[in-house]
Amino acid sequence: MNRRTFLLTSGAATAAFGAASDRVSLGLIGAGGRGTFVMTVFQKDPSVRVHAVCDVYEPNLEQALSTASKVPGNAPRAYRDYRKLLEDKSIDAVLIATPEHWHHRMVLDALASGKDVYVEKPLCQTPEQGVELVAAEASSKNIIQVGMQRRSYDLYLEGRRIVASGALGAVRMVRSWWLNNYIGDGPAPKLKGPLDWEQWQGPAVRRRPLDPNVFFNWRYAADYAGGIVGDQGAHVYDGIHLLMNASYPLAVTAAAGRPHKSGADTPESVVVTAEYPEDFLAVFSINYAAMHYKSRNDQLNQLDGDQARMDVGREDLRVYRLGGEEQPATDMRSEKGFSYATDLHVRNFLECVRSRKSPTAPMRLGFQAALVTQLANMSLRNGCRMRWNDTLKTVEG
């Protein structure tokens, strides 16, 4: 392929979201920053109506209700218990954007209520939860999309095509990194309104006293999430699985430094090595004690083939051929940028809600990505290589 610019514009990509018919009534569960943002992406489709919003933190609830109501035709109901929202027969689909420890229970309950589901990643906290969710998906007729937007991103889809074409030769290793910094402590966070702390903790194994720092930084608390390696690693490993057409990992080993962020009990600097039956290794290094980068430059995947190397970032893709590594033979750039991947992913979900076809990121793929980081955290706790028995669907030390 000659050096060129890869533009993501096309008739399908630039067309308006759907017709005003085929109405989809949406309920939002978890109205924090990410949940409210993805809700606004849903609202770009003129046939979507946000019918309900649920949150246990009053300021988030009020903000999301206000945001949804700015779109003509939306007058969402307020819920403070997600089970009451799921009882609402007028809701077709739910967007679940709660902390990670709630995903498993809420997805199962949403499926039982007959709702289609768009759930943010990581899909679940444990391998056992993932196995149960995949089984639930197999026995359900509902549409389930996990919010791993690289699955819908044209840049990654083009990268998958390049790998499949054989242009890179044999790829025995994929190296990925993600760099940022969250060590610097600002003012201690404070609640700005009522919070139902007991309901927020929900299915967490350990009960904690109310702590605003934990509430606002739950991603870094092991009781509620898999740490930064789980939060960002699910994205990275799903991208690798897509590019390499990979199956579930054979084994995972991890090493880490100690936590340095105030109040965090999970490390910010971690190296994960995953082994695959397709005969390659995927090594992911995350360091959130590094310097800050512009978002377009903070993450990169390098696929080391014996004929060429492919670098895939958030918004650029380059291929360097054997003997010509100073100059890319292929240079592609996303015109609309990585943030547009969420638009594409939501659009795919809505198309599948209407057509009843399988979406881009079903539950089994969400579990596949989450499993790698779950095994990584288990490796850190146990100090050994953790193996996945895909026949028995169990972890072996």
Protein backbone atom coordinates (compact mmCIF):
# COMPACT_ATOMS: atom_id res chain seq x y z
CA MET A 1 0.00 0.00 0.00
CA ASN A 2 1.30 3.43 -0.89
CA ARG A 3 1.62 6.17 1.72
CA ARG A 4 -1.77 7.83 2.00
CA THR A 5 -4.22 9.36 4.39
CA PHE A 6 -7.05 7.19 5.57
CA LEU A 7 -10.30 9.14 5.92
CA LEU A 8 -13.22 7.75 7.86
CA THR A 9 -15.81 9.67 5.90
CA SER A 10 -18.30 7.71 3.84
CA GLY A 11 -21.97 7.86 3.06
CA ALA A 12 -22.71 5.54 5.97
CA ALA A 13 -20.42 7.36 8.37
CA THR A 14 -21.72 10.83 7.67
CA ALA A 15 -25.40 10.07 7.31
CA ALA A 16 -27.79 11.16 10.04
CA PHE A 17 -28.57 8.59 12.70
CA GLY A 18 -31.59 6.65 11.56
CA ALA A 19 -35.08 7.78 10.73
CA ALA A 20 -37.54 9.29 13.17
CA SER A 21 -39.55 6.05 13.01
CA ASP A 22 -38.43 2.88 14.78
CA ARG A 23 -38.48 4.59 18.14
CA VAL A 24 -36.13 3.27 20.83
CA SER A 25 -36.94 4.11 24.44
CA LEU A 26 -33.73 4.26 26.51
CA GLY A 27 -33.10 4.04 30.23
CA LEU A 28 -29.78 5.21 31.70
CA ILE A 29 -28.47 3.42 34.78
CA GLY A 30 -25.44 5.20 36.20
CA ALA A 31 -25.39 8.91 35.35
CA GLY A 32 -21.79 9.84 36.05
CA GLY A 33 -19.58 11.57 33.52
CA ARG A 34 -19.22 8.62 31.14
CA GLY A 35 -22.85 7.53 31.39
CA THR A 36 -24.18 11.02 30.69
CA PHE A 37 -21.77 11.46 27.78
CA VAL A 38 -22.75 8.17 26.11
CA MET A 39 -26.40 9.07 26.68
CA THR A 40 -25.87 12.23 24.60
CA VAL A 41 -24.37 10.07 21.84
CA PHE A 42 -27.54 7.98 21.87
CA GLN A 43 -29.54 11.19 21.60
CA LYS A 44 -27.90 12.02 18.26
CA ASP A 45 -30.28 9.43 16.83
CA PRO A 46 -33.61 11.25 16.35
CA SER A 47 -35.54 8.04 16.99
CA VAL A 48 -34.10 7.59 20.50
CA ARG A 49 -36.00 8.94 23.49
CA VAL A 50 -34.38 8.94 26.93
CA HIS A 51 -37.32 7.69 28.95
CA ALA A 52 -35.65 7.29 32.35
CA VAL A 53 -32.49 8.03 34.32
CA CYS A 54 -31.36 6.23 37.47
CA ASP A 55 -28.59 7.15 39.90
CA VAL A 56 -28.03 6.93 43.65
CA TYR A 57 -26.09 10.22 43.76
CA GLU A 58 -28.54 13.09 43.50
CA PRO A 59 -26.28 15.61 41.69
CA ASN A 60 -25.53 13.08 38.94
CA LEU A 61 -29.21 12.23 38.61
CA GLU A 62 -30.25 15.86 38.32
CA GLN A 63 -27.48 16.69 35.83
CA ALA A 64 -28.36 13.79 33.53
CA LEU A 65 -32.09 14.58 33.67
CA SER A 66 -31.33 18.18 32.73
CA THR A 67 -29.02 17.13 29.89
CA ALA A 68 -31.51 14.62 28.47
CA SER A 69 -34.36 17.13 28.64
CA LYS A 70 -32.53 19.60 26.41
CA VAL A 71 -33.35 17.39 23.41
CA PRO A 72 -36.93 18.06 22.22
CA GLY A 73 -39.29 15.21 22.97
CA ASN A 74 -37.38 13.94 26.01
CA ALA A 75 -38.98 14.12 29.45
CA PRO A 76 -37.21 11.37 31.38
CA ARG A 77 -38.44 9.93 34.65
CA ALA A 78 -36.14 9.88 37.68
CA TYR A 79 -35.33 6.60 39.42
CA ARG A 80 -33.10 5.95 42.43
CA ASP A 81 -33.40 2.16 42.32
CA TYR A 82 -32.43 0.50 39.03
CA ARG A 83 -34.82 -2.40 39.65
CA LYS A 84 -37.75 0.01 39.48
CA LEU A 85 -36.44 1.33 36.15
CA LEU A 86 -36.22 -2.22 34.80
CA GLU A 87 -39.87 -2.77 35.74
CA ASP A 88 -40.86 0.04 33.38
CA LYS A 89 -42.37 -1.80 30.39
CA SER A 90 -42.06 1.24 28.11
CA ILE A 91 -38.23 1.04 28.11
CA ASP A 92 -36.72 -0.96 25.26
CA ALA A 93 -33.01 -0.74 26.08
CA VAL A 94 -30.77 0.27 28.95
CA LEU A 95 -27.38 1.93 29.04
CA ILE A 96 -25.46 0.64 32.09
CA ALA A 97 -22.58 2.93 33.07
CA THR A 98 -22.24 2.23 36.78
CA PRO A 99 -19.03 1.29 38.60
CA GLU A 100 -17.65 -2.07 37.52
CA HIS A 101 -18.78 -4.06 40.57
CA TRP A 102 -22.43 -3.57 39.58
CA HIS A 103 -22.19 -4.65 35.91
CA HIS A 104 -22.70 -8.39 36.39
CA ARG A 105 -25.84 -8.13 38.51
CA MET A 106 -27.42 -5.32 36.51
CA VAL A 107 -26.87 -7.01 33.15
CA LEU A 108 -28.45 -10.23 34.37
CA ASP A 109 -31.41 -8.32 35.81
CA ALA A 110 -31.81 -6.29 32.61
CA LEU A 111 -31.87 -9.44 30.50
CA ALA A 112 -34.44 -10.99 32.85
CA SER A 113 -36.62 -7.91 32.36
CA GLY A 114 -36.45 -8.29 28.57
CA LYS A 115 -34.31 -5.21 27.89
CA ASP A 116 -31.58 -4.84 25.29
CA VAL A 117 -28.32 -3.81 26.95
CA TYR A 118 -25.41 -1.49 26.23
CA VAL A 119 -22.96 -1.93 29.12
CA GLU A 120 -19.71 -0.07 29.64
CA LYS A 121 -16.47 -1.99 30.06
CA PRO A 122 -14.94 -3.80 31.87
CA LEU A 123 -17.81 -6.26 31.62
CA CYS A 124 -17.32 -7.87 35.02
CA GLN A 125 -15.02 -8.29 38.02
CA THR A 126 -14.31 -12.05 38.09
CA PRO A 127 -13.95 -14.98 35.66
CA GLU A 128 -16.92 -16.68 37.31
CA GLN A 129 -19.11 -13.65 36.59
CA GLY A 130 -17.93 -13.63 32.99
CA VAL A 131 -18.76 -17.28 32.45
CA GLU A 132 -22.25 -16.71 33.86
CA LEU A 133 -22.81 -13.65 31.65
CA VAL A 134 -21.70 -15.44 28.48
CA ALA A 135 -24.07 -18.30 29.30
CA ALA A 136 -26.88 -15.79 29.86
CA GLU A 137 -26.16 -14.23 26.49
CA ALA A 138 -26.29 -17.61 24.76
CA SER A 139 -29.74 -18.33 26.17
CA SER A 140 -31.14 -14.85 25.56
CA LYS A 141 -32.67 -13.20 22.52
CA ASN A 142 -31.71 -9.75 23.78
CA ILE A 143 -29.13 -7.56 22.08
CA ILE A 144 -26.04 -6.98 24.24
CA GLN A 145 -23.24 -4.59 23.33
CA VAL A 146 -20.17 -4.05 25.54
CA GLY A 147 -18.75 -0.54 25.31
CA MET A 148 -15.43 -1.46 23.69
CA GLN A 149 -15.60 1.04 20.87
CA ARG A 150 -12.43 -0.07 19.06
CA ARG A 151 -14.60 -2.90 17.72
CA SER A 152 -16.51 -0.33 15.65
CA TYR A 153 -13.59 1.97 14.84
CA ASP A 154 -12.64 2.05 11.15
CA LEU A 155 -8.93 2.49 11.92
CA TYR A 156 -8.82 -0.77 13.89
CA LEU A 157 -10.95 -2.57 11.32
CA GLU A 158 -8.45 -1.54 8.65
CA GLY A 159 -5.64 -2.76 10.89
CA ARG A 160 -7.35 -6.14 11.21
CA ARG A 161 -7.58 -6.34 7.42
CA ILE A 162 -3.87 -5.60 7.05
CA VAL A 163 -2.92 -8.33 9.54
CA ALA A 164 -5.24 -10.85 7.87
CA SER A 165 -3.76 -10.03 4.46
CA GLY A 166 -0.38 -11.35 5.58
CA ALA A 167 1.36 -8.04 4.87
CA LEU A 168 3.13 -8.16 8.26
CA GLY A 169 4.24 -11.76 7.91
CA ALA A 170 4.22 -13.87 11.08
CA VAL A 171 3.35 -11.79 14.15
CA ARG A 172 4.74 -13.42 17.30
CA MET A 173 4.51 -10.43 19.63
CA VAL A 174 2.27 -7.41 20.15
CA ARG A 175 3.64 -4.63 22.39
CA SER A 176 1.26 -2.04 23.80
CA TRP A 177 1.63 0.84 26.23
CA TRP A 178 -0.54 3.48 27.84
CA LEU A 179 1.02 6.45 29.64
CA ASN A 180 -0.53 9.13 31.82
CA ASN A 181 -0.34 10.49 35.37
CA TYR A 182 -2.89 10.53 38.19
CA ILE A 183 -0.49 10.68 41.13
CA GLY A 184 -0.79 14.38 41.92
CA ASP A 185 -3.41 14.88 44.59
CA GLY A 186 -5.75 17.82 44.32
CA PRO A 187 -8.25 18.95 46.94
CA ALA A 188 -10.07 16.12 48.70
CA PRO A 189 -13.32 15.46 46.82
CA LYS A 190 -16.53 16.39 48.58
CA LEU A 191 -20.09 15.24 48.06
CA LYS A 192 -22.30 17.96 46.59
CA GLY A 193 -25.60 16.32 47.44
CA PRO A 194 -27.28 13.20 48.85
CA LEU A 195 -25.73 9.79 48.13
CA ASP A 196 -27.27 6.40 48.92
CA TRP A 197 -23.94 4.86 49.92
CA GLU A 198 -25.31 1.44 50.90
CA GLN A 199 -27.07 1.02 47.59
CA TRP A 200 -23.98 2.24 45.74
CA GLN A 201 -21.85 -0.45 47.43
CA GLY A 202 -24.47 -3.04 46.50
CA PRO A 203 -22.89 -6.41 45.68
CA ALA A 204 -19.37 -5.48 46.85
CA VAL A 205 -17.96 -8.22 49.07
CA ARG A 206 -16.58 -5.83 51.71
CA ARG A 207 -18.58 -3.02 53.32
CA ARG A 208 -16.79 0.29 53.77
CA PRO A 209 -17.82 3.42 55.64
CA LEU A 210 -18.79 6.34 53.44
CA ASP A 211 -15.68 7.77 51.77
CA PRO A 212 -16.06 10.48 49.09
CA ASN A 213 -12.56 9.71 47.79
CA VAL A 214 -13.53 6.10 47.12
CA PHE A 215 -16.84 7.16 45.60
CA PHE A 216 -15.20 9.51 43.11
CA ASN A 217 -12.14 7.28 42.50
CA TRP A 218 -13.71 3.82 42.62
CA ARG A 219 -11.67 2.62 39.60
CA TYR A 220 -8.59 2.39 41.84
CA ALA A 221 -10.25 0.46 44.71
CA ALA A 222 -10.04 -3.33 44.40
CA ASP A 223 -13.44 -3.82 46.06
CA TYR A 224 -15.15 -2.10 43.15
CA ALA A 225 -12.86 -2.46 40.10
CA GLY A 226 -9.70 -3.98 38.67
CA GLY A 227 -7.53 -0.89 39.02
CA ILE A 228 -6.16 1.15 36.16
CA VAL A 229 -4.77 -2.00 34.51
CA GLY A 230 -8.29 -3.43 34.39
CA ASP A 231 -9.95 -0.20 33.36
CA GLN A 232 -7.64 0.62 30.45
CA GLY A 233 -6.35 -2.90 29.83
CA ALA A 234 -9.81 -4.11 28.79
CA HIS A 235 -9.70 -1.58 25.94
CA VAL A 236 -6.16 -2.46 24.92
CA TYR A 237 -6.54 -6.23 25.00
CA ASP A 238 -9.83 -6.08 23.13
CA GLY A 239 -8.07 -4.07 20.44
CA ILE A 240 -5.33 -6.70 20.28
CA HIS A 241 -7.88 -9.49 20.07
CA LEU A 242 -9.60 -7.69 17.20
CA LEU A 243 -6.37 -6.99 15.27
CA MET A 244 -5.00 -10.51 15.76
CA ASN A 245 -8.31 -12.40 15.49
CA ALA A 246 -7.34 -13.98 18.80
CA SER A 247 -9.21 -16.36 21.05
CA TYR A 248 -9.14 -16.57 24.84
CA PRO A 249 -5.68 -16.39 26.46
CA LEU A 250 -3.80 -19.49 27.52
CA ALA A 251 -2.07 -17.82 30.45
CA VAL A 252 -1.24 -14.42 31.92
CA THR A 253 1.66 -13.18 34.05
CA ALA A 254 1.96 -9.70 35.58
CA ALA A 255 4.37 -7.56 37.57
CA ALA A 256 3.71 -4.20 39.23
CA GLY A 257 5.06 -1.48 41.46
CA ARG A 258 3.34 -0.41 44.65
CA PRO A 259 0.40 2.04 44.62
CA HIS A 260 1.39 5.70 44.93
CA LYS A 261 -1.95 7.44 44.46
CA SER A 262 -3.48 8.57 47.74
CA GLY A 263 -6.28 6.21 48.80
CA ALA A 264 -5.65 3.70 45.99
CA ASP A 265 -5.03 0.04 46.79
CA THR A 266 -4.23 -0.96 43.19
CA PRO A 267 -0.92 -0.17 41.41
CA GLU A 268 -0.58 2.43 38.66
CA SER A 269 2.51 0.88 36.99
CA VAL A 270 1.89 -2.65 35.68
CA VAL A 271 3.32 -4.93 32.98
CA VAL A 272 1.09 -7.76 31.70
CA THR A 273 2.15 -10.63 29.43
CA ALA A 274 -0.62 -12.71 27.88
CA GLU A 275 -0.03 -15.95 25.94
CA TYR A 276 -2.38 -17.04 23.14
CA PRO A 277 -3.05 -20.33 21.33
CA GLU A 278 -2.49 -18.48 18.05
CA ASP A 279 1.23 -18.53 18.97
CA PHE A 280 1.86 -14.94 19.96
CA LEU A 281 2.45 -12.89 23.09
CA ALA A 282 0.69 -9.63 23.94
CA VAL A 283 2.67 -7.44 26.34
CA PHE A 284 0.90 -4.42 27.83
CA SER A 285 2.66 -1.81 29.97
CA ILE A 286 0.58 0.81 31.74
CA ASN A 287 2.18 3.62 33.72
CA TYR A 288 -0.03 6.25 35.27
CA ALA A 289 2.97 7.75 37.05
CA ALA A 290 4.47 9.02 33.78
CA MET A 291 4.23 12.49 32.30
CA HIS A 292 0.97 13.68 30.78
CA TYR A 293 0.54 13.21 27.03
CA LYS A 294 -1.98 14.61 24.62
CA SER A 295 -4.75 12.03 24.37
CA ARG A 296 -3.92 11.21 20.75
CA ASN A 297 -0.38 10.20 21.82
CA ASP A 298 -0.92 8.39 25.13
CA GLN A 299 -1.53 4.87 23.81
CA LEU A 300 0.10 2.72 21.10
CA ASN A 301 0.04 -0.88 19.89
CA GLN A 302 2.97 -2.27 17.90
CA LEU A 303 2.52 -5.54 16.03
CA ASP A 304 5.95 -7.05 15.36
CA GLY A 305 5.77 -9.11 12.17
CA ASP A 306 8.80 -10.67 10.51
CA GLN A 307 8.04 -8.77 7.28
CA ALA A 308 6.68 -5.50 8.67
CA ARG A 309 5.66 -3.72 11.86
CA MET A 310 2.28 -2.04 12.27
CA ASP A 311 1.76 0.76 14.79
CA VAL A 312 -1.85 1.51 15.75
CA GLY A 313 -2.59 4.44 18.03
CA ARG A 314 -5.78 6.26 18.84
CA GLU A 315 -5.91 8.17 15.55
CA ASP A 316 -3.01 6.95 13.38
CA LEU A 317 -1.96 3.68 11.76
CA ARG A 318 1.47 3.16 10.18
CA VAL A 319 3.16 0.16 8.59
CA TYR A 320 6.97 -0.06 8.40
CA ARG A 321 8.35 -2.67 6.01
CA LEU A 322 11.43 -4.83 6.40
CA GLY A 323 14.47 -2.76 5.42
CA GLY A 324 12.51 0.51 5.36
CA GLU A 325 11.73 1.19 8.98
CA GLU A 326 12.67 4.89 8.75
CA GLN A 327 9.71 5.73 6.50
CA PRO A 328 6.19 4.27 6.82
CA ALA A 329 4.99 2.44 3.72
CA THR A 330 1.43 3.02 4.91
CA ASP A 331 0.28 6.08 6.84
CA MET A 332 -3.39 6.37 7.78
CA ARG A 333 -5.11 8.94 9.93
CA SER A 334 -8.63 9.07 11.27
CA GLU A 335 -10.20 12.30 10.10
CA LYS A 336 -12.79 12.47 12.88
CA GLY A 337 -10.61 11.17 15.68
CA PHE A 338 -10.94 8.49 18.31
CA SER A 339 -13.89 10.07 20.10
CA TYR A 340 -16.02 9.32 17.03
CA ALA A 341 -15.56 5.60 17.70
CA THR A 342 -18.20 5.87 20.43
CA ASP A 343 -20.66 7.28 17.88
CA LEU A 344 -19.97 4.34 15.58
CA HIS A 345 -20.33 1.84 18.42
CA VAL A 346 -23.64 3.27 19.63
CA ARG A 347 -24.91 3.36 16.07
CA ASN A 348 -24.04 -0.32 15.64
CA PHE A 349 -25.97 -1.17 18.81
CA LEU A 350 -29.07 0.74 17.68
CA GLU A 351 -28.94 -0.87 14.26
CA CYS A 352 -28.88 -4.27 15.94
CA VAL A 353 -31.74 -3.33 18.28
CA ARG A 354 -33.82 -2.75 15.16
CA SER A 355 -32.52 -5.61 13.00
CA ARG A 356 -31.93 -8.14 15.86
CA LYS A 357 -28.54 -9.00 14.35
CA SER A 358 -25.51 -9.66 16.54
CA PRO A 359 -23.66 -6.47 17.55
CA THR A 360 -19.97 -5.69 17.12
CA ALA A 361 -19.00 -6.35 20.76
CA PRO A 362 -21.19 -9.09 22.27
CA MET A 363 -20.74 -10.41 25.79
CA ARG A 364 -18.25 -13.17 24.97
CA LEU A 365 -15.81 -10.62 23.52
CA GLY A 366 -16.33 -8.34 26.50
CA PHE A 367 -15.47 -11.22 28.80
CA GLN A 368 -12.45 -12.22 26.71
CA ALA A 369 -10.93 -8.75 27.20
CA ALA A 370 -11.84 -8.49 30.88
CA LEU A 371 -10.47 -11.98 31.57
CA VAL A 372 -6.92 -10.98 30.62
CA THR A 373 -6.81 -8.21 33.21
CA GLN A 374 -8.56 -10.36 35.81
CA LEU A 375 -5.85 -13.01 35.37
CA ALA A 376 -3.24 -10.25 35.56
CA ASN A 377 -4.57 -9.09 38.93
CA MET A 378 -4.69 -12.68 40.13
CA SER A 379 -1.07 -13.11 39.04
CA LEU A 380 -0.10 -10.05 41.08
CA ARG A 381 -1.88 -11.38 44.17
CA ASN A 382 -0.57 -14.94 43.86
CA GLY A 383 2.90 -14.21 42.49
CA CYS A 384 2.63 -16.73 39.68
CA ARG A 385 1.52 -17.41 36.11
CA MET A 386 -2.25 -17.89 35.89
CA ARG A 387 -3.62 -20.28 33.26
CA TRP A 388 -7.09 -20.30 31.70
CA ASN A 389 -8.70 -23.66 30.97
CA ASP A 390 -11.10 -22.76 28.20
CA THR A 391 -12.63 -26.23 28.13
CA LEU A 392 -13.62 -26.15 31.80
CA LYS A 393 -13.94 -22.33 31.93
CA THR A 394 -11.81 -22.19 35.04
CA VAL A 395 -8.60 -20.54 36.27
CA GLU A 396 -5.60 -22.69 37.13
CA GLY A 397 -2.61 -21.37 39.08
